[in-house]
PDB file of N, CA and C in Angstrom:
ATOM      1  N   MET A   1      27.433   4.057-214.837  1.00  0.00           N
ATOM      2  CA  MET A   1      25.993   4.107-214.611  1.00  0.00           C
ATOM      3  C   MET A   1      25.659   5.429-213.924  1.00  0.00           C
ATOM      4  N   PRO A   2      24.726   6.204-214.493  1.00  0.00           N
ATOM      5  CA  PRO A   2      24.359   7.481-213.884  1.00  0.00           C
ATOM      6  C   PRO A   2      23.810   7.301-212.476  1.00  0.00           C
ATOM      7  N   ARG A   3      24.091   8.267-211.643  1.00  0.00           N
ATOM      8  CA  ARG A   3      23.653   8.209-210.245  1.00  0.00           C
ATOM      9  C   ARG A   3      22.134   8.090-210.137  1.00  0.00           C
ATOM     10  N   SER A   4      21.384   8.686-211.038  1.00  0.00           N
ATOM     11  CA  SER A   4      19.920   8.667-210.954  1.00  0.00           C
ATOM     12  C   SER A   4      19.361   7.251-211.012  1.00  0.00           C
ATOM     13  N   GLU A   5      20.092   6.308-211.597  1.00  0.00           N
ATOM     14  CA  GLU A   5      19.608   4.933-211.666  1.00  0.00           C
ATOM     15  C   GLU A   5      19.635   4.250-210.305  1.00  0.00           C
ATOM     16  N   PHE A   6      20.421   4.786-209.366  1.00  0.00           N
ATOM     17  CA  PHE A   6      20.484   4.208-208.026  1.00  0.00           C
ATOM     18  C   PHE A   6      19.360   4.706-207.135  1.00  0.00           C
ATOM     19  N   LEU A   7      18.739   5.828-207.510  1.00  0.00           N
ATOM     20  CA  LEU A   7      17.683   6.394-206.691  1.00  0.00           C
ATOM     21  C   LEU A   7      16.407   5.590-206.867  1.00  0.00           C
ATOM     22  N   LEU A   8      15.678   5.440-205.789  1.00  0.00           N
ATOM     23  CA  LEU A   8      14.418   4.714-205.843  1.00  0.00           C
ATOM     24  C   LEU A   8      13.339   5.608-206.437  1.00  0.00           C
ATOM     25  N   SER A   9      12.620   5.108-207.381  1.00  0.00           N
ATOM     26  CA  SER A   9      11.535   5.849-207.999  1.00  0.00           C
ATOM     27  C   SER A   9      10.301   5.782-207.105  1.00  0.00           C
ATOM     28  N   GLU A  10       9.628   6.928-206.975  1.00  0.00           N
ATOM     29  CA  GLU A  10       8.409   6.920-206.165  1.00  0.00           C
ATOM     30  C   GLU A  10       7.265   6.228-206.887  1.00  0.00           C
ATOM     31  N   TYR A  11       7.472   5.890-208.164  1.00  0.00           N
ATOM     32  CA  TYR A  11       6.476   5.125-208.904  1.00  0.00           C
ATOM     33  C   TYR A  11       6.812   3.638-208.906  1.00  0.00           C
ATOM     34  N   ARG A  12       8.068   3.294-208.708  1.00  0.00           N
ATOM     35  CA  ARG A  12       8.473   1.887-208.682  1.00  0.00           C
ATOM     36  C   ARG A  12       8.334   1.303-207.271  1.00  0.00           C
ATOM     37  N   GLY A  13       8.710   2.074-206.274  1.00  0.00           N
ATOM     38  CA  GLY A  13       8.583   1.623-204.891  1.00  0.00           C
ATOM     39  C   GLY A  13       7.119   1.421-204.530  1.00  0.00           C
ATOM     40  N   MET A  14       6.843   0.360-203.777  1.00  0.00           N
ATOM     41  CA  MET A  14       5.464   0.001-203.448  1.00  0.00           C
ATOM     42  C   MET A  14       5.288  -0.093-201.931  1.00  0.00           C
ATOM     43  N   TRP A  15       4.125   0.278-201.478  1.00  0.00           N
ATOM     44  CA  TRP A  15       3.705   0.015-200.107  1.00  0.00           C
ATOM     45  C   TRP A  15       2.691  -1.112-200.185  1.00  0.00           C
ATOM     46  N   LEU A  16       2.944  -2.158-199.440  1.00  0.00           N
ATOM     47  CA  LEU A  16       2.058  -3.317-199.400  1.00  0.00           C
ATOM     48  C   LEU A  16       1.260  -3.257-198.103  1.00  0.00           C
ATOM     49  N   PHE A  17      -0.050  -3.219-198.233  1.00  0.00           N
ATOM     50  CA  PHE A  17      -0.938  -3.186-197.081  1.00  0.00           C
ATOM     51  C   PHE A  17      -1.582  -4.547-196.887  1.00  0.00           C
ATOM     52  N   ALA A  18      -1.690  -4.971-195.647  1.00  0.00           N
ATOM     53  CA  ALA A  18      -2.459  -6.156-195.273  1.00  0.00           C
ATOM     54  C   ALA A  18      -3.584  -5.659-194.377  1.00  0.00           C
ATOM     55  N   LEU A  19      -4.815  -5.822-194.863  1.00  0.00           N
ATOM     56  CA  LEU A  19      -6.000  -5.416-194.119  1.00  0.00           C
ATOM     57  C   LEU A  19      -6.745  -6.701-193.780  1.00  0.00           C
ATOM     58  N   PHE A  20      -7.051  -6.926-192.526  1.00  0.00           N
ATOM     59  CA  PHE A  20      -7.624  -8.227-192.176  1.00  0.00           C
ATOM     60  C   PHE A  20      -8.637  -8.155-191.056  1.00  0.00           C
ATOM     61  N   ASP A  21      -9.577  -9.085-191.136  1.00  0.00           N
ATOM     62  CA  ASP A  21     -10.549  -9.349-190.071  1.00  0.00           C
ATOM     63  C   ASP A  21     -10.447 -10.831-189.757  1.00  0.00           C
ATOM     64  N   LEU A  22     -10.056 -11.139-188.557  1.00  0.00           N
ATOM     65  CA  LEU A  22      -9.950 -12.527-188.121  1.00  0.00           C
ATOM     66  C   LEU A  22     -10.771 -12.682-186.849  1.00  0.00           C
ATOM     67  N   PRO A  23     -11.507 -13.770-186.731  1.00  0.00           N
ATOM     68  CA  PRO A  23     -12.307 -13.961-185.513  1.00  0.00           C
ATOM     69  C   PRO A  23     -11.402 -14.156-184.301  1.00  0.00           C
ATOM     70  N   VAL A  24     -11.883 -13.695-183.167  1.00  0.00           N
ATOM     71  CA  VAL A  24     -11.160 -13.866-181.901  1.00  0.00           C
ATOM     72  C   VAL A  24     -12.124 -14.333-180.815  1.00  0.00           C
ATOM     73  N   ASP A  25     -13.160 -15.073-181.222  1.00  0.00           N
ATOM     74  CA  ASP A  25     -14.209 -15.467-180.282  1.00  0.00           C
ATOM     75  C   ASP A  25     -13.871 -16.705-179.462  1.00  0.00           C
ATOM     76  N   THR A  26     -12.867 -17.459-179.858  1.00  0.00           N
ATOM     77  CA  THR A  26     -12.453 -18.631-179.085  1.00  0.00           C
ATOM     78  C   THR A  26     -10.948 -18.557-178.831  1.00  0.00           C
ATOM     79  N   ARG A  27     -10.484 -19.380-177.929  1.00  0.00           N
ATOM     80  CA  ARG A  27      -9.047 -19.410-177.633  1.00  0.00           C
ATOM     81  C   ARG A  27      -8.244 -19.815-178.866  1.00  0.00           C
ATOM     82  N   ALA A  28      -8.747 -20.802-179.614  1.00  0.00           N
ATOM     83  CA  ALA A  28      -8.056 -21.253-180.835  1.00  0.00           C
ATOM     84  C   ALA A  28      -8.035 -20.131-181.884  1.00  0.00           C
ATOM     85  N   ALA A  29      -9.131 -19.389-182.009  1.00  0.00           N
ATOM     86  CA  ALA A  29      -9.186 -18.296-182.979  1.00  0.00           C
ATOM     87  C   ALA A  29      -8.211 -17.177-182.592  1.00  0.00           C
ATOM     88  N   ARG A  30      -8.107 -16.868-181.305  1.00  0.00           N
ATOM     89  CA  ARG A  30      -7.151 -15.853-180.849  1.00  0.00           C
ATOM     90  C   ARG A  30      -5.723 -16.296-181.137  1.00  0.00           C
ATOM     91  N   HIS A  31      -5.462 -17.592-180.994  1.00  0.00           N
ATOM     92  CA  HIS A  31      -4.132 -18.131-181.293  1.00  0.00           C
ATOM     93  C   HIS A  31      -3.816 -17.958-182.782  1.00  0.00           C
ATOM     94  N   ARG A  32      -4.788 -18.262-183.664  1.00  0.00           N
ATOM     95  CA  ARG A  32      -4.585 -18.092-185.110  1.00  0.00           C
ATOM     96  C   ARG A  32      -4.371 -16.619-185.451  1.00  0.00           C
ATOM     97  N   TYR A  33      -5.106 -15.735-184.788  1.00  0.00           N
ATOM     98  CA  TYR A  33      -4.935 -14.302-184.990  1.00  0.00           C
ATOM     99  C   TYR A  33      -3.504 -13.892-184.631  1.00  0.00           C
ATOM    100  N   ALA A  34      -3.039 -14.333-183.472  1.00  0.00           N
ATOM    101  CA  ALA A  34      -1.687 -13.986-183.021  1.00  0.00           C
ATOM    102  C   ALA A  34      -0.631 -14.539-183.979  1.00  0.00           C
ATOM    103  N   GLN A  35      -0.827 -15.755-184.474  1.00  0.00           N
ATOM    104  CA  GLN A  35       0.122 -16.337-185.434  1.00  0.00           C
ATOM    105  C   GLN A  35       0.170 -15.511-186.720  1.00  0.00           C
ATOM    106  N   PHE A  36      -0.992 -15.108-187.216  1.00  0.00           N
ATOM    107  CA  PHE A  36      -1.042 -14.335-188.450  1.00  0.00           C
ATOM    108  C   PHE A  36      -0.375 -12.972-188.255  1.00  0.00           C
ATOM    109  N   ARG A  37      -0.648 -12.339-187.138  1.00  0.00           N
ATOM    110  CA  ARG A  37      -0.035 -11.044-186.829  1.00  0.00           C
ATOM    111  C   ARG A  37       1.482 -11.171-186.725  1.00  0.00           C
ATOM    112  N   ARG A  38       1.958 -12.237-186.082  1.00  0.00           N
ATOM    113  CA  ARG A  38       3.408 -12.476-185.990  1.00  0.00           C
ATOM    114  C   ARG A  38       4.028 -12.659-187.368  1.00  0.00           C
ATOM    115  N   LEU A  39       3.322 -13.371-188.259  1.00  0.00           N
ATOM    116  CA  LEU A  39       3.807 -13.551-189.623  1.00  0.00           C
ATOM    117  C   LEU A  39       4.001 -12.197-190.301  1.00  0.00           C
ATOM    118  N   LEU A  40       3.024 -11.317-190.167  1.00  0.00           N
ATOM    119  CA  LEU A  40       3.147  -9.996-190.780  1.00  0.00           C
ATOM    120  C   LEU A  40       4.370  -9.259-190.250  1.00  0.00           C
ATOM    121  N   ILE A  41       4.570  -9.309-188.953  1.00  0.00           N
ATOM    122  CA  ILE A  41       5.714  -8.629-188.348  1.00  0.00           C
ATOM    123  C   ILE A  41       7.025  -9.247-188.834  1.00  0.00           C
ATOM    124  N   GLN A  42       7.083 -10.584-188.917  1.00  0.00           N
ATOM    125  CA  GLN A  42       8.281 -11.252-189.427  1.00  0.00           C
ATOM    126  C   GLN A  42       8.556 -10.881-190.881  1.00  0.00           C
ATOM    127  N   GLU A  43       7.509 -10.589-191.628  1.00  0.00           N
ATOM    128  CA  GLU A  43       7.653 -10.189-193.037  1.00  0.00           C
ATOM    129  C   GLU A  43       7.986  -8.704-193.183  1.00  0.00           C
ATOM    130  N   GLY A  44       8.138  -8.006-192.060  1.00  0.00           N
ATOM    131  CA  GLY A  44       8.558  -6.605-192.107  1.00  0.00           C
ATOM    132  C   GLY A  44       7.439  -5.589-192.060  1.00  0.00           C
ATOM    133  N   PHE A  45       6.224  -6.025-191.751  1.00  0.00           N
ATOM    134  CA  PHE A  45       5.091  -5.113-191.672  1.00  0.00           C
ATOM    135  C   PHE A  45       5.083  -4.396-190.325  1.00  0.00           C
ATOM    136  N   CYS A  46       4.528  -3.191-190.326  1.00  0.00           N
ATOM    137  CA  CYS A  46       4.307  -2.418-189.101  1.00  0.00           C
ATOM    138  C   CYS A  46       2.829  -2.068-189.029  1.00  0.00           C
ATOM    139  N   MET A  47       2.309  -2.001-187.826  1.00  0.00           N
ATOM    140  CA  MET A  47       0.897  -1.676-187.652  1.00  0.00           C
ATOM    141  C   MET A  47       0.665  -0.204-187.994  1.00  0.00           C
ATOM    142  N   VAL A  48      -0.313   0.050-188.861  1.00  0.00           N
ATOM    143  CA  VAL A  48      -0.730   1.401-189.214  1.00  0.00           C
ATOM    144  C   VAL A  48      -1.957   1.765-188.386  1.00  0.00           C
ATOM    145  N   GLN A  49      -2.884   0.833-188.293  1.00  0.00           N
ATOM    146  CA  GLN A  49      -4.077   0.928-187.454  1.00  0.00           C
ATOM    147  C   GLN A  49      -4.410  -0.496-187.042  1.00  0.00           C
ATOM    148  N   PHE A  50      -5.370  -0.655-186.142  1.00  0.00           N
ATOM    149  CA  PHE A  50      -5.757  -2.007-185.770  1.00  0.00           C
ATOM    150  C   PHE A  50      -6.135  -2.777-187.032  1.00  0.00           C
ATOM    151  N   SER A  51      -5.593  -3.945-187.199  1.00  0.00           N
ATOM    152  CA  SER A  51      -5.863  -4.838-188.332  1.00  0.00           C
ATOM    153  C   SER A  51      -5.488  -4.247-189.690  1.00  0.00           C
ATOM    154  N   VAL A  52      -4.626  -3.243-189.686  1.00  0.00           N
ATOM    155  CA  VAL A  52      -4.077  -2.686-190.927  1.00  0.00           C
ATOM    156  C   VAL A  52      -2.566  -2.575-190.743  1.00  0.00           C
ATOM    157  N   TYR A  53      -1.842  -3.340-191.533  1.00  0.00           N
ATOM    158  CA  TYR A  53      -0.382  -3.356-191.455  1.00  0.00           C
ATOM    159  C   TYR A  53       0.182  -2.980-192.819  1.00  0.00           C
ATOM    160  N   ALA A  54       1.370  -2.377-192.847  1.00  0.00           N
ATOM    161  CA  ALA A  54       1.974  -1.967-194.114  1.00  0.00           C
ATOM    162  C   ALA A  54       3.475  -2.173-194.058  1.00  0.00           C
ATOM    163  N   ARG A  55       4.055  -2.370-195.242  1.00  0.00           N
ATOM    164  CA  ARG A  55       5.508  -2.428-195.366  1.00  0.00           C
ATOM    165  C   ARG A  55       5.899  -1.888-196.724  1.00  0.00           C
ATOM    166  N   TYR A  56       7.110  -1.357-196.794  1.00  0.00           N
ATOM    167  CA  TYR A  56       7.636  -0.808-198.033  1.00  0.00           C
ATOM    168  C   TYR A  56       8.380  -1.901-198.779  1.00  0.00           C
ATOM    169  N   CYS A  57       8.192  -1.947-200.088  1.00  0.00           N
ATOM    170  CA  CYS A  57       8.921  -2.861-200.964  1.00  0.00           C
ATOM    171  C   CYS A  57       9.491  -2.021-202.104  1.00  0.00           C
ATOM    172  N   ALA A  58      10.714  -2.300-202.491  1.00  0.00           N
ATOM    173  CA  ALA A  58      11.367  -1.508-203.530  1.00  0.00           C
ATOM    174  C   ALA A  58      10.706  -1.661-204.892  1.00  0.00           C
ATOM    175  N   SER A  59       9.964  -2.753-205.092  1.00  0.00           N
ATOM    176  CA  SER A  59       9.298  -2.966-206.381  1.00  0.00           C
ATOM    177  C   SER A  59       8.148  -3.945-206.214  1.00  0.00           C
ATOM    178  N   GLU A  60       7.298  -3.988-207.224  1.00  0.00           N
ATOM    179  CA  GLU A  60       6.186  -4.936-207.217  1.00  0.00           C
ATOM    180  C   GLU A  60       6.716  -6.365-207.286  1.00  0.00           C
ATOM    181  N   GLU A  61       7.804  -6.563-208.005  1.00  0.00           N
ATOM    182  CA  GLU A  61       8.392  -7.895-208.121  1.00  0.00           C
ATOM    183  C   GLU A  61       8.867  -8.418-206.767  1.00  0.00           C
ATOM    184  N   LEU A  62       9.348  -7.536-205.905  1.00  0.00           N
ATOM    185  CA  LEU A  62       9.766  -7.950-204.561  1.00  0.00           C
ATOM    186  C   LEU A  62       8.569  -8.140-203.631  1.00  0.00           C
ATOM    187  N   ALA A  63       7.460  -7.479-203.915  1.00  0.00           N
ATOM    188  CA  ALA A  63       6.258  -7.609-203.083  1.00  0.00           C
ATOM    189  C   ALA A  63       5.502  -8.903-203.377  1.00  0.00           C
ATOM    190  N   ASP A  64       5.561  -9.385-204.619  1.00  0.00           N
ATOM    191  CA  ASP A  64       4.786 -10.571-205.013  1.00  0.00           C
ATOM    192  C   ASP A  64       5.071 -11.810-204.161  1.00  0.00           C
ATOM    193  N   PRO A  65       6.336 -12.174-203.897  1.00  0.00           N
ATOM    194  CA  PRO A  65       6.561 -13.364-203.059  1.00  0.00           C
ATOM    195  C   PRO A  65       6.047 -13.197-201.628  1.00  0.00           C
ATOM    196  N   ILE A  66       6.081 -11.979-201.128  1.00  0.00           N
ATOM    197  CA  ILE A  66       5.549 -11.713-199.791  1.00  0.00           C
ATOM    198  C   ILE A  66       4.044 -11.961-199.790  1.00  0.00           C
ATOM    199  N   CYS A  67       3.371 -11.488-200.839  1.00  0.00           N
ATOM    200  CA  CYS A  67       1.920 -11.714-200.968  1.00  0.00           C
ATOM    201  C   CYS A  67       1.610 -13.208-200.989  1.00  0.00           C
ATOM    202  N   ARG A  68       2.401 -13.966-201.734  1.00  0.00           N
ATOM    203  CA  ARG A  68       2.147 -15.414-201.821  1.00  0.00           C
ATOM    204  C   ARG A  68       2.348 -16.092-200.467  1.00  0.00           C
ATOM    205  N   ARG A  69       3.380 -15.697-199.704  1.00  0.00           N
ATOM    206  CA  ARG A  69       3.613 -16.296-198.388  1.00  0.00           C
ATOM    207  C   ARG A  69       2.466 -15.974-197.441  1.00  0.00           C
ATOM    208  N   ILE A  70       1.987 -14.749-197.484  1.00  0.00           N
ATOM    209  CA  ILE A  70       0.876 -14.365-196.613  1.00  0.00           C
ATOM    210  C   ILE A  70      -0.390 -15.112-197.009  1.00  0.00           C
ATOM    211  N   ALA A  71      -0.652 -15.218-198.300  1.00  0.00           N
ATOM    212  CA  ALA A  71      -1.862 -15.899-198.781  1.00  0.00           C
ATOM    213  C   ALA A  71      -1.912 -17.351-198.317  1.00  0.00           C
ATOM    214  N   ARG A  72      -0.749 -17.991-198.248  1.00  0.00           N
ATOM    215  CA  ARG A  72      -0.706 -19.395-197.790  1.00  0.00           C
ATOM    216  C   ARG A  72      -1.089 -19.527-196.322  1.00  0.00           C
ATOM    217  N   GLU A  73      -0.935 -18.459-195.545  1.00  0.00           N
ATOM    218  CA  GLU A  73      -1.143 -18.525-194.095  1.00  0.00           C
ATOM    219  C   GLU A  73      -2.449 -17.901-193.623  1.00  0.00           C
ATOM    220  N   VAL A  74      -3.317 -17.501-194.537  1.00  0.00           N
ATOM    221  CA  VAL A  74      -4.591 -16.907-194.126  1.00  0.00           C
ATOM    222  C   VAL A  74      -5.431 -17.966-193.422  1.00  0.00           C
ATOM    223  N   PRO A  75      -5.872 -17.696-192.188  1.00  0.00           N
ATOM    224  CA  PRO A  75      -6.731 -18.659-191.495  1.00  0.00           C
ATOM    225  C   PRO A  75      -8.000 -18.944-192.298  1.00  0.00           C
ATOM    226  N   GLU A  76      -8.496 -20.151-192.165  1.00  0.00           N
ATOM    227  CA  GLU A  76      -9.643 -20.599-192.952  1.00  0.00           C
ATOM    228  C   GLU A  76     -10.841 -19.668-192.827  1.00  0.00           C
ATOM    229  N   ASP A  77     -11.072 -19.123-191.646  1.00  0.00           N
ATOM    230  CA  ASP A  77     -12.238 -18.262-191.435  1.00  0.00           C
ATOM    231  C   ASP A  77     -11.866 -16.776-191.415  1.00  0.00           C
ATOM    232  N   GLY A  78     -10.691 -16.441-191.974  1.00  0.00           N
ATOM    233  CA  GLY A  78     -10.243 -15.059-191.983  1.00  0.00           C
ATOM    234  C   GLY A  78     -10.554 -14.344-193.285  1.00  0.00           C
ATOM    235  N   HIS A  79     -10.615 -13.035-193.213  1.00  0.00           N
ATOM    236  CA  HIS A  79     -10.786 -12.180-194.387  1.00  0.00           C
ATOM    237  C   HIS A  79      -9.564 -11.284-194.458  1.00  0.00           C
ATOM    238  N   VAL A  80      -8.792 -11.422-195.526  1.00  0.00           N
ATOM    239  CA  VAL A  80      -7.552 -10.663-195.674  1.00  0.00           C
ATOM    240  C   VAL A  80      -7.530 -10.028-197.058  1.00  0.00           C
ATOM    241  N   ARG A  81      -7.138  -8.780-197.101  1.00  0.00           N
ATOM    242  CA  ARG A  81      -6.943  -8.084-198.373  1.00  0.00           C
ATOM    243  C   ARG A  81      -5.506  -7.588-198.408  1.00  0.00           C
ATOM    244  N   LEU A  82      -4.847  -7.813-199.519  1.00  0.00           N
ATOM    245  CA  LEU A  82      -3.503  -7.294-199.729  1.00  0.00           C
ATOM    246  C   LEU A  82      -3.602  -6.235-200.821  1.00  0.00           C
ATOM    247  N   LEU A  83      -3.095  -5.068-200.535  1.00  0.00           N
ATOM    248  CA  LEU A  83      -3.222  -3.933-201.437  1.00  0.00           C
ATOM    249  C   LEU A  83      -1.845  -3.319-201.656  1.00  0.00           C
ATOM    250  N   MET A  84      -1.486  -3.091-202.918  1.00  0.00           N
ATOM    251  CA  MET A  84      -0.227  -2.428-203.238  1.00  0.00           C
ATOM    252  C   MET A  84      -0.519  -1.041-203.791  1.00  0.00           C
ATOM    253  N   VAL A  85       0.181  -0.045-203.280  1.00  0.00           N
ATOM    254  CA  VAL A  85       0.096   1.309-203.816  1.00  0.00           C
ATOM    255  C   VAL A  85       1.517   1.824-204.014  1.00  0.00           C
ATOM    256  N   THR A  86       1.693   2.679-204.994  1.00  0.00           N
ATOM    257  CA  THR A  86       3.030   3.221-205.229  1.00  0.00           C
ATOM    258  C   THR A  86       3.407   4.152-204.083  1.00  0.00           C
ATOM    259  N   ASP A  87       4.694   4.379-203.947  1.00  0.00           N
ATOM    260  CA  ASP A  87       5.166   5.300-202.925  1.00  0.00           C
ATOM    261  C   ASP A  87       4.581   6.687-203.173  1.00  0.00           C
ATOM    262  N   ARG A  88       4.427   7.039-204.421  1.00  0.00           N
ATOM    263  CA  ARG A  88       3.836   8.335-204.780  1.00  0.00           C
ATOM    264  C   ARG A  88       2.391   8.423-204.271  1.00  0.00           C
ATOM    265  N   GLN A  89       1.594   7.373-204.500  1.00  0.00           N
ATOM    266  CA  GLN A  89       0.219   7.364-204.016  1.00  0.00           C
ATOM    267  C   GLN A  89       0.184   7.397-202.494  1.00  0.00           C
ATOM    268  N   PHE A  90       1.064   6.631-201.864  1.00  0.00           N
ATOM    269  CA  PHE A  90       1.127   6.586-200.409  1.00  0.00           C
ATOM    270  C   PHE A  90       1.413   7.976-199.841  1.00  0.00           C
ATOM    271  N   GLY A  91       2.296   8.697-200.504  1.00  0.00           N
ATOM    272  CA  GLY A  91       2.657  10.038-200.047  1.00  0.00           C
ATOM    273  C   GLY A  91       1.503  11.024-200.091  1.00  0.00           C
ATOM    274  N   LYS A  92       0.483  10.726-200.884  1.00  0.00           N
ATOM    275  CA  LYS A  92      -0.688  11.598-200.976  1.00  0.00           C
ATOM    276  C   LYS A  92      -1.742  11.272-199.916  1.00  0.00           C
ATOM    277  N   MET A  93      -1.493  10.258-199.102  1.00  0.00           N
ATOM    278  CA  MET A  93      -2.449   9.874-198.072  1.00  0.00           C
ATOM    279  C   MET A  93      -2.621  11.010-197.068  1.00  0.00           C
ATOM    280  N   GLN A  94      -3.844  11.228-196.657  1.00  0.00           N
ATOM    281  CA  GLN A  94      -4.121  12.206-195.614  1.00  0.00           C
ATOM    282  C   GLN A  94      -4.346  11.448-194.314  1.00  0.00           C
ATOM    283  N   VAL A  95      -3.594  11.786-193.303  1.00  0.00           N
ATOM    284  CA  VAL A  95      -3.647  11.100-192.015  1.00  0.00           C
ATOM    285  C   VAL A  95      -4.040  12.115-190.946  1.00  0.00           C
ATOM    286  N   TYR A  96      -5.026  11.761-190.144  1.00  0.00           N
ATOM    287  CA  TYR A  96      -5.486  12.644-189.069  1.00  0.00           C
ATOM    288  C   TYR A  96      -5.473  11.897-187.745  1.00  0.00           C
ATOM    289  N   HIS A  97      -5.019  12.570-186.723  1.00  0.00           N
ATOM    290  CA  HIS A  97      -5.153  12.090-185.349  1.00  0.00           C
ATOM    291  C   HIS A  97      -6.071  13.106-184.691  1.00  0.00           C
ATOM    292  N   GLY A  98      -7.308  12.687-184.452  1.00  0.00           N
ATOM    293  CA  GLY A  98      -8.301  13.654-183.993  1.00  0.00           C
ATOM    294  C   GLY A  98      -8.566  14.611-185.143  1.00  0.00           C
ATOM    295  N   LYS A  99      -8.528  15.888-184.889  1.00  0.00           N
ATOM    296  CA  LYS A  99      -8.740  16.888-185.938  1.00  0.00           C
ATOM    297  C   LYS A  99      -7.418  17.381-186.533  1.00  0.00           C
ATOM    298  N   THR A 100      -6.298  16.893-186.016  1.00  0.00           N
ATOM    299  CA  THR A 100      -4.991  17.363-186.452  1.00  0.00           C
ATOM    300  C   THR A 100      -4.442  16.488-187.563  1.00  0.00           C
ATOM    301  N   ARG A 101      -4.038  17.108-188.655  1.00  0.00           N
ATOM    302  CA  ARG A 101      -3.437  16.367-189.759  1.00  0.00           C
ATOM    303  C   ARG A 101      -1.966  16.139-189.446  1.00  0.00           C
ATOM    304  N   VAL A 102      -1.510  14.912-189.654  1.00  0.00           N
ATOM    305  CA  VAL A 102      -0.112  14.561-189.435  1.00  0.00           C
ATOM    306  C   VAL A 102       0.437  13.962-190.727  1.00  0.00           C
ATOM    307  N   PRO A 103       1.752  14.029-190.942  1.00  0.00           N
ATOM    308  CA  PRO A 103       2.317  13.471-192.174  1.00  0.00           C
ATOM    309  C   PRO A 103       2.235  11.943-192.183  1.00  0.00           C
ATOM    310  N   ALA A 104       2.116  11.388-193.383  1.00  0.00           N
ATOM    311  CA  ALA A 104       2.124   9.930-193.536  1.00  0.00           C
ATOM    312  C   ALA A 104       3.524   9.416-193.226  1.00  0.00           C
ATOM    313  N   GLU A 105       3.630   8.124-192.930  1.00  0.00           N
ATOM    314  CA  GLU A 105       4.919   7.505-192.675  1.00  0.00           C
ATOM    315  C   GLU A 105       5.806   7.701-193.899  1.00  0.00           C
ATOM    316  N   SER A 106       7.099   7.737-193.682  1.00  0.00           N
ATOM    317  CA  SER A 106       8.024   7.888-194.806  1.00  0.00           C
ATOM    318  C   SER A 106       8.678   6.553-195.139  1.00  0.00           C
ATOM    319  N   MET A 107       9.255   6.500-196.331  1.00  0.00           N
ATOM    320  CA  MET A 107       9.950   5.305-196.784  1.00  0.00           C
ATOM    321  C   MET A 107      11.095   5.014-195.809  1.00  0.00           C
ATOM    322  N   PRO A 108      11.346   3.751-195.509  1.00  0.00           N
ATOM    323  CA  PRO A 108      12.471   3.424-194.631  1.00  0.00           C
ATOM    324  C   PRO A 108      13.776   3.973-195.178  1.00  0.00           C
ATOM    325  N   ALA A 109      14.650   4.410-194.294  1.00  0.00           N
ATOM    326  CA  ALA A 109      15.930   4.961-194.720  1.00  0.00           C
ATOM    327  C   ALA A 109      16.816   3.886-195.329  1.00  0.00           C
ATOM    328  N   GLN A 110      16.614   2.672-194.958  1.00  0.00           N
ATOM    329  CA  GLN A 110      17.454   1.578-195.426  1.00  0.00           C
ATOM    330  C   GLN A 110      16.550   0.449-195.891  1.00  0.00           C
ATOM    331  N   LEU A 111      16.899  -0.149-197.016  1.00  0.00           N
ATOM    332  CA  LEU A 111      16.132  -1.285-197.495  1.00  0.00           C
ATOM    333  C   LEU A 111      16.436  -2.518-196.664  1.00  0.00           C
ATOM    334  N   LEU A 112      15.426  -3.329-196.422  1.00  0.00           N
ATOM    335  CA  LEU A 112      15.606  -4.559-195.678  1.00  0.00           C
ATOM    336  C   LEU A 112      15.985  -5.668-196.645  1.00  0.00           C
ATOM    337  N   LEU A 113      16.957  -6.444-196.305  1.00  0.00           N
ATOM    338  CA  LEU A 113      17.381  -7.555-197.142  1.00  0.00           C
ATOM    339  C   LEU A 113      16.940  -8.853-196.492  1.00  0.00           C
ATOM    340  N   PHE A 114      16.271  -9.700-197.260  1.00  0.00           N
ATOM    341  CA  PHE A 114      15.784 -10.986-196.752  1.00  0.00           C
ATOM    342  C   PHE A 114      16.387 -12.091-197.549  1.00  0.00           C
TER     343      PHE A 114
END
C-alpha cells in the first residue's frame, strides 16, 4: 500500500463545530448547561469561543455518530447547531485576537480512539 494512502486528506478530515445557546436563568437551567458542556468535552470537543466548541474527526463517517449522541442530549429549551467543515476549509479561517491575526488551530498530532 503506497504511503500516501496513510496520510490524512485535508478534504476528508472534518472539523465538527457545536454552536449553542442554552438558557442559564435558573439553577436547573445552569445544571443542564453544565451537563451539555461536559458532554461536549467528553466527546473530545475544545472550546473555541464561548458557546462554540470544535473537534477534529478523520472523516464524516466518524463524525456522524458523535452528532447523533449530541442531538439526543440537547436540552428541551436549547438551540444547538452542529456544523461540519473540511480541514481544508478550517485552515482558511481567519482568526483575530483584537486587531492581531493569529493562526487557526491545527489538526491534532494524534487521532483519538474511542
